[in-house]
N, C-alpha and C. Protein backbone atom coordinates (compact mmCIF):
# COMPACT_ATOMS: atom_id res chain seq x y z
N UNK A 1 -104.42 23.13 85.61
CA UNK A 1 -104.65 22.26 86.81
C UNK A 1 -104.37 23.04 88.06
N UNK A 2 -105.10 22.84 89.07
CA UNK A 2 -105.02 23.58 90.35
C UNK A 2 -103.90 22.98 91.18
N UNK A 3 -103.28 23.86 91.95
CA UNK A 3 -102.21 23.45 92.83
C UNK A 3 -102.72 22.83 94.12
N UNK A 4 -102.32 21.58 94.49
CA UNK A 4 -102.91 20.93 95.70
C UNK A 4 -102.53 21.59 97.01
N UNK A 5 -101.47 22.48 96.98
CA UNK A 5 -101.00 23.05 98.29
C UNK A 5 -101.99 24.02 98.84
N UNK A 6 -102.73 24.91 98.14
CA UNK A 6 -103.62 25.87 98.67
C UNK A 6 -104.77 25.17 99.39
N UNK A 7 -105.43 24.12 98.83
CA UNK A 7 -106.49 23.46 99.51
C UNK A 7 -106.02 22.93 100.88
N UNK A 8 -104.77 22.38 100.96
CA UNK A 8 -104.28 21.88 102.18
C UNK A 8 -104.19 23.05 103.19
N UNK A 9 -103.74 24.19 102.71
CA UNK A 9 -103.67 25.39 103.56
C UNK A 9 -105.07 25.78 104.07
N UNK A 10 -106.09 25.73 103.13
CA UNK A 10 -107.40 26.02 103.55
C UNK A 10 -107.92 25.04 104.66
N UNK A 11 -107.60 23.82 104.55
CA UNK A 11 -108.03 22.85 105.57
C UNK A 11 -107.38 23.14 106.89
N UNK A 12 -106.12 23.58 106.84
CA UNK A 12 -105.41 23.90 108.07
C UNK A 12 -106.09 25.10 108.75
N UNK A 13 -106.47 26.08 107.92
CA UNK A 13 -107.16 27.30 108.51
C UNK A 13 -108.47 26.88 109.10
N UNK A 14 -109.23 25.98 108.47
CA UNK A 14 -110.45 25.55 109.11
C UNK A 14 -110.29 24.86 110.39
N UNK A 15 -109.26 24.00 110.52
CA UNK A 15 -108.92 23.35 111.80
C UNK A 15 -108.51 24.38 112.81
N UNK A 16 -107.66 25.33 112.40
CA UNK A 16 -107.23 26.38 113.35
C UNK A 16 -108.38 27.24 113.80
N UNK A 17 -109.30 27.58 112.86
CA UNK A 17 -110.50 28.37 113.28
C UNK A 17 -111.33 27.57 114.24
N UNK A 18 -111.59 26.29 114.04
CA UNK A 18 -112.37 25.51 114.89
C UNK A 18 -111.67 25.37 116.27
N UNK A 19 -110.38 25.23 116.27
CA UNK A 19 -109.74 25.14 117.52
C UNK A 19 -109.80 26.48 118.36
N UNK A 20 -109.70 27.57 117.62
CA UNK A 20 -109.77 28.87 118.35
C UNK A 20 -111.22 29.09 118.92
N UNK A 21 -112.23 28.60 118.20
CA UNK A 21 -113.60 28.67 118.70
C UNK A 21 -113.76 27.87 119.97
N UNK A 22 -113.18 26.68 119.98
CA UNK A 22 -113.30 25.89 121.21
C UNK A 22 -112.58 26.41 122.37
N UNK A 23 -111.39 27.08 122.11
CA UNK A 23 -110.63 27.75 123.13
C UNK A 23 -111.48 28.91 123.68
N UNK A 24 -112.07 29.69 122.82
CA UNK A 24 -112.94 30.85 123.24
C UNK A 24 -114.13 30.38 123.99
N UNK A 25 -114.73 29.24 123.60
CA UNK A 25 -115.90 28.69 124.29
C UNK A 25 -115.46 28.30 125.69
N UNK A 26 -114.34 27.69 125.89
CA UNK A 26 -113.85 27.33 127.23
C UNK A 26 -113.57 28.55 128.05
N UNK A 27 -113.09 29.68 127.35
CA UNK A 27 -112.88 30.90 128.12
C UNK A 27 -114.18 31.53 128.64
N UNK A 28 -115.19 31.58 127.81
CA UNK A 28 -116.51 32.08 128.23
C UNK A 28 -117.09 31.27 129.27
N UNK A 29 -116.98 29.90 129.18
CA UNK A 29 -117.54 29.05 130.26
C UNK A 29 -116.79 29.36 131.53
N UNK A 30 -115.44 29.40 131.47
CA UNK A 30 -114.64 29.70 132.63
C UNK A 30 -115.03 31.01 133.26
N UNK A 31 -115.26 32.03 132.35
CA UNK A 31 -115.62 33.46 132.88
C UNK A 31 -116.97 33.38 133.61
N UNK A 32 -117.85 32.48 133.13
CA UNK A 32 -119.20 32.39 133.83
C UNK A 32 -119.08 31.80 135.24
N UNK A 33 -117.99 31.07 135.55
CA UNK A 33 -117.79 30.52 136.84
C UNK A 33 -116.98 31.40 137.80
N UNK A 34 -116.32 32.42 137.26
CA UNK A 34 -115.58 33.36 138.08
C UNK A 34 -116.47 34.26 138.93
N UNK A 35 -115.98 34.69 140.05
CA UNK A 35 -116.71 35.71 140.83
C UNK A 35 -116.49 37.08 140.19
N UNK A 36 -117.53 37.78 139.82
CA UNK A 36 -117.43 39.07 139.24
C UNK A 36 -117.68 40.19 140.27
N UNK A 37 -118.57 39.93 141.21
CA UNK A 37 -118.80 40.94 142.21
C UNK A 37 -118.97 40.31 143.61
N UNK A 38 -118.43 40.89 144.63
CA UNK A 38 -118.59 40.36 145.96
C UNK A 38 -119.40 41.44 146.73
N UNK A 39 -120.56 40.98 147.23
CA UNK A 39 -121.40 41.89 148.01
C UNK A 39 -121.23 41.59 149.46
N UNK A 40 -121.45 42.69 150.26
CA UNK A 40 -121.51 42.51 151.73
C UNK A 40 -122.83 43.25 152.15
N UNK A 41 -123.64 42.48 152.85
CA UNK A 41 -124.95 42.99 153.33
C UNK A 41 -125.10 42.73 154.81
N UNK A 42 -125.92 43.64 155.36
CA UNK A 42 -126.28 43.50 156.84
C UNK A 42 -127.65 44.06 157.00
N UNK A 43 -128.57 43.17 157.47
CA UNK A 43 -129.95 43.54 157.69
C UNK A 43 -130.25 44.08 159.11
N UNK A 44 -129.26 44.13 159.93
CA UNK A 44 -129.39 44.59 161.32
C UNK A 44 -129.88 43.57 162.26
N UNK A 45 -130.15 42.35 161.85
CA UNK A 45 -130.61 41.28 162.70
C UNK A 45 -129.51 40.25 163.02
N UNK A 46 -128.84 39.84 161.97
CA UNK A 46 -127.85 38.80 162.24
C UNK A 46 -126.46 39.28 161.85
N UNK A 47 -125.58 38.34 161.51
CA UNK A 47 -124.25 38.70 161.19
C UNK A 47 -124.16 39.24 159.73
N UNK A 48 -123.25 40.09 159.39
CA UNK A 48 -123.08 40.55 158.00
C UNK A 48 -122.74 39.41 157.05
N UNK A 49 -123.32 39.44 155.93
CA UNK A 49 -123.19 38.29 154.91
C UNK A 49 -122.31 38.74 153.74
N UNK A 50 -121.60 37.80 153.24
CA UNK A 50 -120.90 37.98 151.95
C UNK A 50 -121.50 37.17 150.86
N UNK A 51 -121.84 37.84 149.82
CA UNK A 51 -122.63 37.21 148.69
C UNK A 51 -121.78 37.26 147.35
N UNK A 52 -121.50 36.22 146.83
CA UNK A 52 -120.68 36.17 145.59
C UNK A 52 -121.63 36.13 144.33
N UNK A 53 -121.29 37.04 143.39
CA UNK A 53 -122.05 37.09 142.14
C UNK A 53 -121.09 36.51 141.04
N UNK A 54 -121.47 35.42 140.41
CA UNK A 54 -120.69 34.85 139.41
C UNK A 54 -120.90 35.54 138.04
N UNK A 55 -120.07 35.09 137.10
CA UNK A 55 -120.32 35.70 135.73
C UNK A 55 -121.62 35.29 135.10
N UNK A 56 -122.02 34.07 135.40
CA UNK A 56 -123.37 33.60 134.92
C UNK A 56 -124.47 34.41 135.56
N UNK A 57 -124.32 34.78 136.79
CA UNK A 57 -125.32 35.64 137.47
C UNK A 57 -125.32 37.09 136.84
N UNK A 58 -124.10 37.60 136.60
CA UNK A 58 -124.02 38.99 136.09
C UNK A 58 -124.43 39.04 134.61
N UNK A 59 -123.99 38.09 133.79
CA UNK A 59 -124.28 38.06 132.40
C UNK A 59 -124.82 36.63 132.09
N UNK A 60 -126.07 36.43 132.08
CA UNK A 60 -126.59 35.09 131.80
C UNK A 60 -126.32 34.54 130.39
N UNK A 61 -125.90 35.40 129.47
CA UNK A 61 -125.70 35.03 128.09
C UNK A 61 -124.32 34.33 127.97
N UNK A 62 -123.51 34.35 128.91
CA UNK A 62 -122.09 33.82 128.69
C UNK A 62 -122.14 32.36 128.35
N UNK A 63 -122.90 31.54 129.09
CA UNK A 63 -122.95 30.15 128.77
C UNK A 63 -123.65 29.84 127.43
N UNK A 64 -124.79 30.44 127.10
CA UNK A 64 -125.31 30.19 125.80
C UNK A 64 -124.33 30.60 124.63
N UNK A 65 -123.57 31.62 124.81
CA UNK A 65 -122.60 32.04 123.83
C UNK A 65 -121.54 30.95 123.70
N UNK A 66 -121.11 30.42 124.76
CA UNK A 66 -120.05 29.36 124.77
C UNK A 66 -120.64 28.16 124.00
N UNK A 67 -121.81 27.82 124.31
CA UNK A 67 -122.48 26.62 123.57
C UNK A 67 -122.54 26.93 122.09
N UNK A 68 -122.90 28.16 121.70
CA UNK A 68 -123.00 28.55 120.38
C UNK A 68 -121.64 28.43 119.63
N UNK A 69 -120.60 28.83 120.33
CA UNK A 69 -119.28 28.67 119.76
C UNK A 69 -118.87 27.22 119.52
N UNK A 70 -119.21 26.34 120.44
CA UNK A 70 -118.98 24.92 120.24
C UNK A 70 -119.65 24.40 118.98
N UNK A 71 -120.96 24.81 118.81
CA UNK A 71 -121.72 24.42 117.67
C UNK A 71 -121.07 24.98 116.37
N UNK A 72 -120.56 26.21 116.43
CA UNK A 72 -119.93 26.84 115.24
C UNK A 72 -118.64 26.05 114.94
N UNK A 73 -117.89 25.66 115.93
CA UNK A 73 -116.70 24.90 115.71
C UNK A 73 -117.01 23.62 114.95
N UNK A 74 -118.06 22.94 115.35
CA UNK A 74 -118.48 21.64 114.69
C UNK A 74 -118.91 21.97 113.22
N UNK A 75 -119.65 23.09 113.10
CA UNK A 75 -120.12 23.36 111.79
C UNK A 75 -119.06 23.76 110.77
N UNK A 76 -117.92 24.37 111.25
CA UNK A 76 -116.89 24.69 110.32
C UNK A 76 -116.30 23.47 109.58
N UNK A 77 -116.38 22.31 110.19
CA UNK A 77 -115.84 21.10 109.60
C UNK A 77 -116.80 20.50 108.54
N UNK A 78 -118.05 21.10 108.41
CA UNK A 78 -119.02 20.49 107.53
C UNK A 78 -119.52 21.42 106.37
N UNK A 79 -119.19 22.71 106.50
CA UNK A 79 -119.69 23.66 105.46
C UNK A 79 -118.54 24.26 104.74
N UNK A 80 -118.78 24.83 103.58
CA UNK A 80 -117.71 25.52 102.71
C UNK A 80 -118.41 26.63 102.06
N UNK A 81 -117.53 27.45 101.38
CA UNK A 81 -118.02 28.52 100.50
C UNK A 81 -118.72 29.61 101.24
N UNK A 82 -119.86 30.09 100.63
CA UNK A 82 -120.51 31.21 101.25
C UNK A 82 -121.15 30.89 102.57
N UNK A 83 -121.53 29.62 102.82
CA UNK A 83 -122.05 29.23 104.13
C UNK A 83 -120.98 29.41 105.18
N UNK A 84 -119.75 29.09 104.87
CA UNK A 84 -118.67 29.31 105.81
C UNK A 84 -118.48 30.81 106.05
N UNK A 85 -118.57 31.63 105.03
CA UNK A 85 -118.41 33.09 105.22
C UNK A 85 -119.46 33.66 106.12
N UNK A 86 -120.72 33.14 105.90
CA UNK A 86 -121.79 33.65 106.77
C UNK A 86 -121.57 33.24 108.18
N UNK A 87 -121.13 32.00 108.37
CA UNK A 87 -120.84 31.49 109.75
C UNK A 87 -119.76 32.39 110.35
N UNK A 88 -118.72 32.76 109.61
CA UNK A 88 -117.64 33.52 110.14
C UNK A 88 -118.21 34.89 110.56
N UNK A 89 -119.11 35.47 109.80
CA UNK A 89 -119.70 36.79 110.21
C UNK A 89 -120.49 36.55 111.49
N UNK A 90 -121.26 35.51 111.64
CA UNK A 90 -122.04 35.26 112.86
C UNK A 90 -121.09 35.02 114.07
N UNK A 91 -119.98 34.41 113.81
CA UNK A 91 -119.00 34.20 114.86
C UNK A 91 -118.48 35.54 115.37
N UNK A 92 -118.18 36.45 114.36
CA UNK A 92 -117.70 37.74 114.75
C UNK A 92 -118.73 38.54 115.65
N UNK A 93 -120.01 38.37 115.26
CA UNK A 93 -121.08 39.02 116.01
C UNK A 93 -121.09 38.50 117.50
N UNK A 94 -120.87 37.13 117.58
CA UNK A 94 -120.87 36.50 118.90
C UNK A 94 -119.66 37.00 119.69
N UNK A 95 -118.48 37.28 118.99
CA UNK A 95 -117.38 37.86 119.65
C UNK A 95 -117.64 39.23 120.17
N UNK A 96 -118.32 40.07 119.39
CA UNK A 96 -118.64 41.43 119.77
C UNK A 96 -119.60 41.33 121.02
N UNK A 97 -120.53 40.47 121.03
CA UNK A 97 -121.44 40.32 122.15
C UNK A 97 -120.71 39.88 123.42
N UNK A 98 -119.77 38.91 123.30
CA UNK A 98 -118.95 38.48 124.47
C UNK A 98 -118.16 39.69 125.01
N UNK A 99 -117.59 40.46 124.09
CA UNK A 99 -116.79 41.61 124.53
C UNK A 99 -117.65 42.60 125.28
N UNK A 100 -118.88 42.79 124.83
CA UNK A 100 -119.82 43.74 125.48
C UNK A 100 -120.10 43.25 126.91
N UNK A 101 -120.36 41.95 127.03
CA UNK A 101 -120.61 41.35 128.37
C UNK A 101 -119.51 41.58 129.36
N UNK A 102 -118.31 41.38 128.84
CA UNK A 102 -117.12 41.57 129.68
C UNK A 102 -116.92 43.02 130.03
N UNK A 103 -117.08 43.93 129.11
CA UNK A 103 -116.82 45.33 129.38
C UNK A 103 -117.97 45.91 130.33
N UNK A 104 -119.13 45.24 130.28
CA UNK A 104 -120.24 45.78 131.08
C UNK A 104 -119.96 45.86 132.54
N UNK A 105 -118.97 44.96 133.01
CA UNK A 105 -118.59 45.13 134.47
C UNK A 105 -117.95 46.41 134.80
N UNK A 106 -117.16 46.93 133.88
CA UNK A 106 -116.46 48.22 134.08
C UNK A 106 -117.33 49.33 133.65
N UNK A 107 -118.26 49.18 132.76
CA UNK A 107 -119.12 50.31 132.29
C UNK A 107 -120.14 50.72 133.37
N UNK A 108 -120.54 49.82 134.22
CA UNK A 108 -121.49 50.11 135.38
C UNK A 108 -120.75 50.81 136.40
N UNK A 109 -121.09 52.06 136.75
CA UNK A 109 -120.39 52.82 137.74
C UNK A 109 -120.52 52.20 139.13
N UNK A 110 -121.67 51.82 139.49
CA UNK A 110 -121.92 51.28 140.76
C UNK A 110 -122.46 49.81 140.60
N UNK A 111 -121.67 48.84 140.81
CA UNK A 111 -122.07 47.42 140.57
C UNK A 111 -122.99 46.92 141.67
N UNK A 112 -123.05 47.52 142.78
CA UNK A 112 -123.81 47.02 143.91
C UNK A 112 -125.26 46.88 143.65
N UNK A 113 -126.01 47.87 143.17
CA UNK A 113 -127.46 47.67 142.96
C UNK A 113 -127.74 46.58 141.92
N UNK A 114 -127.03 46.52 140.82
CA UNK A 114 -127.29 45.50 139.89
C UNK A 114 -126.96 44.11 140.41
N UNK A 115 -125.86 43.95 141.11
CA UNK A 115 -125.45 42.64 141.66
C UNK A 115 -126.46 42.31 142.69
N UNK A 116 -126.94 43.24 143.45
CA UNK A 116 -127.98 42.90 144.45
C UNK A 116 -129.34 42.49 143.86
N UNK A 117 -129.61 43.06 142.70
CA UNK A 117 -130.85 42.70 141.98
C UNK A 117 -130.80 41.26 141.42
N UNK A 118 -129.67 40.85 140.85
CA UNK A 118 -129.60 39.49 140.30
C UNK A 118 -129.55 38.45 141.41
N UNK A 119 -129.13 38.78 142.65
CA UNK A 119 -129.07 37.88 143.75
C UNK A 119 -130.24 38.11 144.67
N UNK A 120 -131.21 38.94 144.34
CA UNK A 120 -132.41 39.20 145.16
C UNK A 120 -132.05 39.60 146.59
N UNK A 121 -131.12 40.52 146.64
CA UNK A 121 -130.66 41.09 147.94
C UNK A 121 -131.22 42.55 148.04
N UNK A 122 -131.93 42.91 149.08
CA UNK A 122 -132.40 44.30 149.17
C UNK A 122 -131.26 45.30 149.17
N UNK A 123 -131.38 46.32 148.32
CA UNK A 123 -130.28 47.32 148.22
C UNK A 123 -130.08 47.98 149.52
N UNK A 124 -131.13 48.21 150.28
CA UNK A 124 -131.06 48.89 151.54
C UNK A 124 -130.09 48.12 152.51
N UNK A 125 -129.85 46.86 152.32
CA UNK A 125 -129.00 46.15 153.30
C UNK A 125 -127.58 46.07 152.87
N UNK A 126 -127.23 46.64 151.72
CA UNK A 126 -125.86 46.63 151.23
C UNK A 126 -125.01 47.56 151.99
N UNK A 127 -123.84 47.01 152.40
CA UNK A 127 -122.83 47.78 153.05
C UNK A 127 -121.58 47.89 152.28
N UNK A 128 -121.49 47.16 151.10
CA UNK A 128 -120.32 47.22 150.35
C UNK A 128 -120.40 46.30 149.13
N UNK A 129 -119.60 46.65 148.06
CA UNK A 129 -119.65 45.84 146.84
C UNK A 129 -118.27 46.01 146.21
N UNK A 130 -117.62 44.87 145.90
CA UNK A 130 -116.30 44.77 145.34
C UNK A 130 -116.41 44.29 143.90
N UNK A 131 -115.75 44.98 143.00
CA UNK A 131 -115.67 44.58 141.61
C UNK A 131 -114.45 43.78 141.42
N UNK A 132 -114.60 42.53 140.93
CA UNK A 132 -113.50 41.58 140.69
C UNK A 132 -113.38 41.39 139.14
N UNK A 133 -112.23 41.78 138.63
CA UNK A 133 -112.12 41.90 137.14
C UNK A 133 -111.61 40.64 136.45
N UNK A 134 -111.27 39.59 137.21
CA UNK A 134 -110.76 38.36 136.55
C UNK A 134 -111.64 37.72 135.53
N UNK A 135 -112.87 37.56 135.93
CA UNK A 135 -113.90 36.94 135.04
C UNK A 135 -114.15 37.81 133.77
N UNK A 136 -114.32 39.11 134.00
CA UNK A 136 -114.61 40.00 132.87
C UNK A 136 -113.42 40.07 131.90
N UNK A 137 -112.23 40.07 132.49
CA UNK A 137 -111.02 40.07 131.57
C UNK A 137 -110.97 38.80 130.73
N UNK A 138 -111.31 37.67 131.41
CA UNK A 138 -111.29 36.40 130.67
C UNK A 138 -112.34 36.44 129.58
N UNK A 139 -113.46 37.04 129.80
CA UNK A 139 -114.50 37.13 128.74
C UNK A 139 -114.03 38.04 127.62
N UNK A 140 -113.35 39.09 127.88
CA UNK A 140 -112.86 39.94 126.78
C UNK A 140 -111.73 39.28 126.00
N UNK A 141 -110.81 38.54 126.71
CA UNK A 141 -109.85 37.83 125.97
C UNK A 141 -110.51 36.80 125.08
N UNK A 142 -111.48 36.07 125.58
CA UNK A 142 -112.15 35.07 124.77
C UNK A 142 -112.83 35.69 123.54
N UNK A 143 -113.34 36.95 123.72
CA UNK A 143 -113.96 37.66 122.63
C UNK A 143 -112.93 37.95 121.54
N UNK A 144 -111.71 38.32 121.96
CA UNK A 144 -110.68 38.57 120.97
C UNK A 144 -110.28 37.34 120.24
N UNK A 145 -110.25 36.15 120.92
CA UNK A 145 -109.97 34.93 120.22
C UNK A 145 -111.06 34.59 119.24
N UNK A 146 -112.36 34.83 119.61
CA UNK A 146 -113.50 34.68 118.69
C UNK A 146 -113.28 35.46 117.44
N UNK A 147 -112.92 36.72 117.55
CA UNK A 147 -112.65 37.54 116.40
C UNK A 147 -111.56 36.99 115.53
N UNK A 148 -110.46 36.53 116.19
CA UNK A 148 -109.39 35.88 115.40
C UNK A 148 -109.88 34.64 114.63
N UNK A 149 -110.74 33.88 115.26
CA UNK A 149 -111.29 32.71 114.67
C UNK A 149 -112.15 33.11 113.44
N UNK A 150 -112.94 34.18 113.60
CA UNK A 150 -113.77 34.62 112.47
C UNK A 150 -112.93 35.06 111.26
N UNK A 151 -111.81 35.76 111.57
CA UNK A 151 -110.87 36.17 110.40
C UNK A 151 -110.29 34.92 109.78
N UNK A 152 -109.86 33.98 110.61
CA UNK A 152 -109.29 32.72 110.02
C UNK A 152 -110.27 31.99 109.13
N UNK A 153 -111.60 31.93 109.60
CA UNK A 153 -112.54 31.22 108.89
C UNK A 153 -112.86 31.95 107.50
N UNK A 154 -112.85 33.26 107.56
CA UNK A 154 -113.04 34.00 106.34
C UNK A 154 -111.94 33.77 105.30
N UNK A 155 -110.75 33.78 105.84
CA UNK A 155 -109.56 33.47 104.89
C UNK A 155 -109.67 32.00 104.45
N UNK A 156 -110.04 31.14 105.29
CA UNK A 156 -110.19 29.70 104.82
C UNK A 156 -111.29 29.60 103.81
N UNK A 157 -112.40 30.33 103.94
CA UNK A 157 -113.46 30.18 102.93
C UNK A 157 -113.03 30.78 101.62
N UNK A 158 -112.29 31.89 101.65
CA UNK A 158 -111.78 32.47 100.42
C UNK A 158 -110.76 31.52 99.74
N UNK A 159 -109.92 30.95 100.47
CA UNK A 159 -108.94 30.02 99.98
C UNK A 159 -109.52 28.77 99.31
N UNK A 160 -110.59 28.25 99.94
CA UNK A 160 -111.23 27.02 99.36
C UNK A 160 -111.95 27.37 98.11
N UNK A 161 -112.62 28.51 98.03
CA UNK A 161 -113.36 28.92 96.85
C UNK A 161 -112.36 29.17 95.70
N UNK A 162 -111.32 29.90 96.00
CA UNK A 162 -110.38 30.26 94.94
C UNK A 162 -109.65 29.06 94.32
N UNK A 163 -109.37 28.01 95.19
CA UNK A 163 -108.57 26.87 94.67
C UNK A 163 -109.41 25.72 94.17
N UNK A 164 -110.69 25.69 94.64
CA UNK A 164 -111.46 24.52 94.18
C UNK A 164 -112.40 24.83 93.03
N UNK A 165 -112.74 26.07 92.84
CA UNK A 165 -113.70 26.40 91.86
C UNK A 165 -113.01 26.76 90.47
N UNK A 166 -113.44 26.23 89.41
CA UNK A 166 -113.04 26.54 88.10
C UNK A 166 -114.24 26.76 87.21
N UNK A 167 -114.23 27.69 86.28
CA UNK A 167 -115.33 27.90 85.40
C UNK A 167 -115.29 26.79 84.36
N UNK A 168 -116.49 26.48 83.70
CA UNK A 168 -116.47 25.46 82.71
C UNK A 168 -115.42 25.66 81.63
N UNK A 169 -115.27 26.94 81.20
CA UNK A 169 -114.25 27.24 80.10
C UNK A 169 -112.92 26.87 80.64
N UNK A 170 -112.56 27.15 81.86
CA UNK A 170 -111.23 26.81 82.37
C UNK A 170 -111.03 25.31 82.48
N UNK A 171 -112.08 24.58 82.87
CA UNK A 171 -112.02 23.12 82.93
C UNK A 171 -111.82 22.58 81.55
N UNK A 172 -112.56 23.07 80.51
CA UNK A 172 -112.39 22.59 79.15
C UNK A 172 -110.96 22.89 78.60
N UNK A 173 -110.43 24.05 78.94
CA UNK A 173 -109.11 24.41 78.52
C UNK A 173 -108.06 23.43 79.14
N UNK A 174 -108.22 23.12 80.48
CA UNK A 174 -107.31 22.22 81.05
C UNK A 174 -107.41 20.85 80.44
N UNK A 175 -108.58 20.37 80.11
CA UNK A 175 -108.76 19.10 79.48
C UNK A 175 -108.16 19.06 78.09
N UNK A 176 -108.26 20.15 77.36
CA UNK A 176 -107.74 20.23 76.01
C UNK A 176 -106.17 20.23 76.07
N UNK A 177 -105.62 20.93 77.04
CA UNK A 177 -104.24 21.04 77.19
C UNK A 177 -103.64 19.65 77.58
N UNK A 178 -104.37 18.91 78.43
CA UNK A 178 -104.00 17.56 78.85
C UNK A 178 -104.07 16.66 77.66
N UNK A 179 -105.08 16.74 76.83
CA UNK A 179 -105.25 15.87 75.68
C UNK A 179 -104.12 16.12 74.64
N UNK A 180 -103.78 17.40 74.43
CA UNK A 180 -102.77 17.72 73.46
C UNK A 180 -101.41 17.14 73.92
N UNK A 181 -101.18 17.32 75.27
CA UNK A 181 -99.88 16.85 75.81
C UNK A 181 -99.79 15.32 75.72
N UNK A 182 -100.89 14.65 76.02
CA UNK A 182 -100.91 13.19 75.87
C UNK A 182 -100.65 12.75 74.46
N UNK A 183 -101.38 13.40 73.51
CA UNK A 183 -101.29 13.05 72.08
C UNK A 183 -99.78 13.34 71.59
N UNK A 184 -99.23 14.45 71.98
CA UNK A 184 -97.88 14.75 71.59
C UNK A 184 -96.88 13.70 72.07
N UNK A 185 -97.04 13.32 73.37
CA UNK A 185 -96.16 12.22 73.91
C UNK A 185 -96.32 10.92 73.13
N UNK A 186 -97.50 10.57 72.77
CA UNK A 186 -97.75 9.32 72.00
C UNK A 186 -97.03 9.36 70.61
N UNK A 187 -97.17 10.57 69.95
CA UNK A 187 -96.54 10.68 68.62
C UNK A 187 -94.95 10.51 68.79
N UNK A 188 -94.49 11.14 69.85
CA UNK A 188 -93.01 11.04 70.06
C UNK A 188 -92.57 9.64 70.23
N UNK A 189 -93.30 8.88 71.06
CA UNK A 189 -92.90 7.46 71.32
C UNK A 189 -93.06 6.63 70.03
N UNK A 190 -94.09 6.88 69.25
CA UNK A 190 -94.24 6.14 67.96
C UNK A 190 -93.08 6.43 67.06
N UNK A 191 -92.70 7.66 67.03
CA UNK A 191 -91.55 8.00 66.12
C UNK A 191 -90.30 7.28 66.57
N UNK A 192 -90.03 7.23 67.84
CA UNK A 192 -88.82 6.58 68.37
C UNK A 192 -88.90 5.09 68.02
N UNK A 193 -90.08 4.46 68.12
CA UNK A 193 -90.24 3.07 67.82
C UNK A 193 -89.92 2.77 66.32
N UNK A 194 -90.20 3.75 65.40
CA UNK A 194 -90.01 3.63 64.01
C UNK A 194 -88.58 3.98 63.61
N UNK A 195 -87.73 4.34 64.63
CA UNK A 195 -86.32 4.73 64.38
C UNK A 195 -86.19 6.07 63.84
N UNK A 196 -87.14 6.98 64.00
CA UNK A 196 -87.17 8.30 63.55
C UNK A 196 -86.87 9.27 64.69
N UNK A 197 -86.24 10.41 64.41
CA UNK A 197 -85.99 11.39 65.35
C UNK A 197 -87.21 12.30 65.43
N UNK A 198 -87.90 12.28 66.63
CA UNK A 198 -89.14 13.07 66.75
C UNK A 198 -88.92 14.59 66.75
N UNK A 199 -87.65 15.05 66.93
CA UNK A 199 -87.37 16.46 66.94
C UNK A 199 -87.17 17.01 65.54
N UNK A 200 -87.15 16.11 64.47
CA UNK A 200 -87.01 16.50 63.12
C UNK A 200 -88.38 16.45 62.51
N UNK A 201 -88.75 17.47 61.77
CA UNK A 201 -90.09 17.45 61.13
C UNK A 201 -90.10 16.45 60.00
N UNK A 202 -91.30 16.13 59.53
CA UNK A 202 -91.41 15.11 58.43
C UNK A 202 -90.77 15.63 57.10
N UNK A 203 -90.19 14.75 56.36
CA UNK A 203 -89.50 15.12 55.14
C UNK A 203 -90.53 15.74 54.11
N UNK A 204 -90.01 16.70 53.43
CA UNK A 204 -90.88 17.39 52.44
C UNK A 204 -91.09 16.54 51.16
N UNK A 205 -92.30 16.39 50.76
CA UNK A 205 -92.55 15.57 49.61
C UNK A 205 -92.17 16.32 48.34
N UNK A 206 -91.47 15.64 47.46
CA UNK A 206 -91.14 16.29 46.18
C UNK A 206 -92.38 16.42 45.33
N UNK A 207 -92.46 17.49 44.51
CA UNK A 207 -93.66 17.73 43.70
C UNK A 207 -93.54 16.94 42.39
N UNK A 208 -92.45 16.24 42.17
CA UNK A 208 -92.35 15.43 40.94
C UNK A 208 -91.84 16.24 39.82
N UNK A 209 -91.57 15.59 38.68
CA UNK A 209 -91.02 16.31 37.48
C UNK A 209 -92.04 17.25 36.95
N UNK A 210 -91.54 18.42 36.58
CA UNK A 210 -92.40 19.44 35.98
C UNK A 210 -92.54 19.26 34.50
């Protein structure tokens, strides 16, 4: 018979994994709202302008990835086995993508031209560009949480499979053991009702006179 404790542990891991995915989704959504780059431009005609480039402007995939994580969190409560393992791998891929988006802010040597491009600002009018790391850092932290969620889901999938699956031979063996135990208890109680000691074997029959 299987122990009921491991399935309970597997369910806790599923809930934990789903919670981590929702936290990561909130982190990516928040990162999309942060200002990643601050541009200063001057066209020679008016006053200098300050243009803010948000995370969604810099990396348009942040919000779709956040939505995908919410969908994955919901799916974890409905699927099991290999489907859950495949989902965990996909979640890990999303985490790697989110980390890449965050690191991209530091990977670009000069953020001015790219930020000017996404905001349709002529590069020739740029007089300065400031890199703000708060949003990118949030995206990287969210990516780490996504990877932790993927590991949790993989462990949950393995635990559910190991504790819930039994081969037909194992199920027949469990049924036979249960039947023998039930039969043994019934014989013991019958012996007690007849005033016999069930711990003593049946008397040997004499073979009669030779």
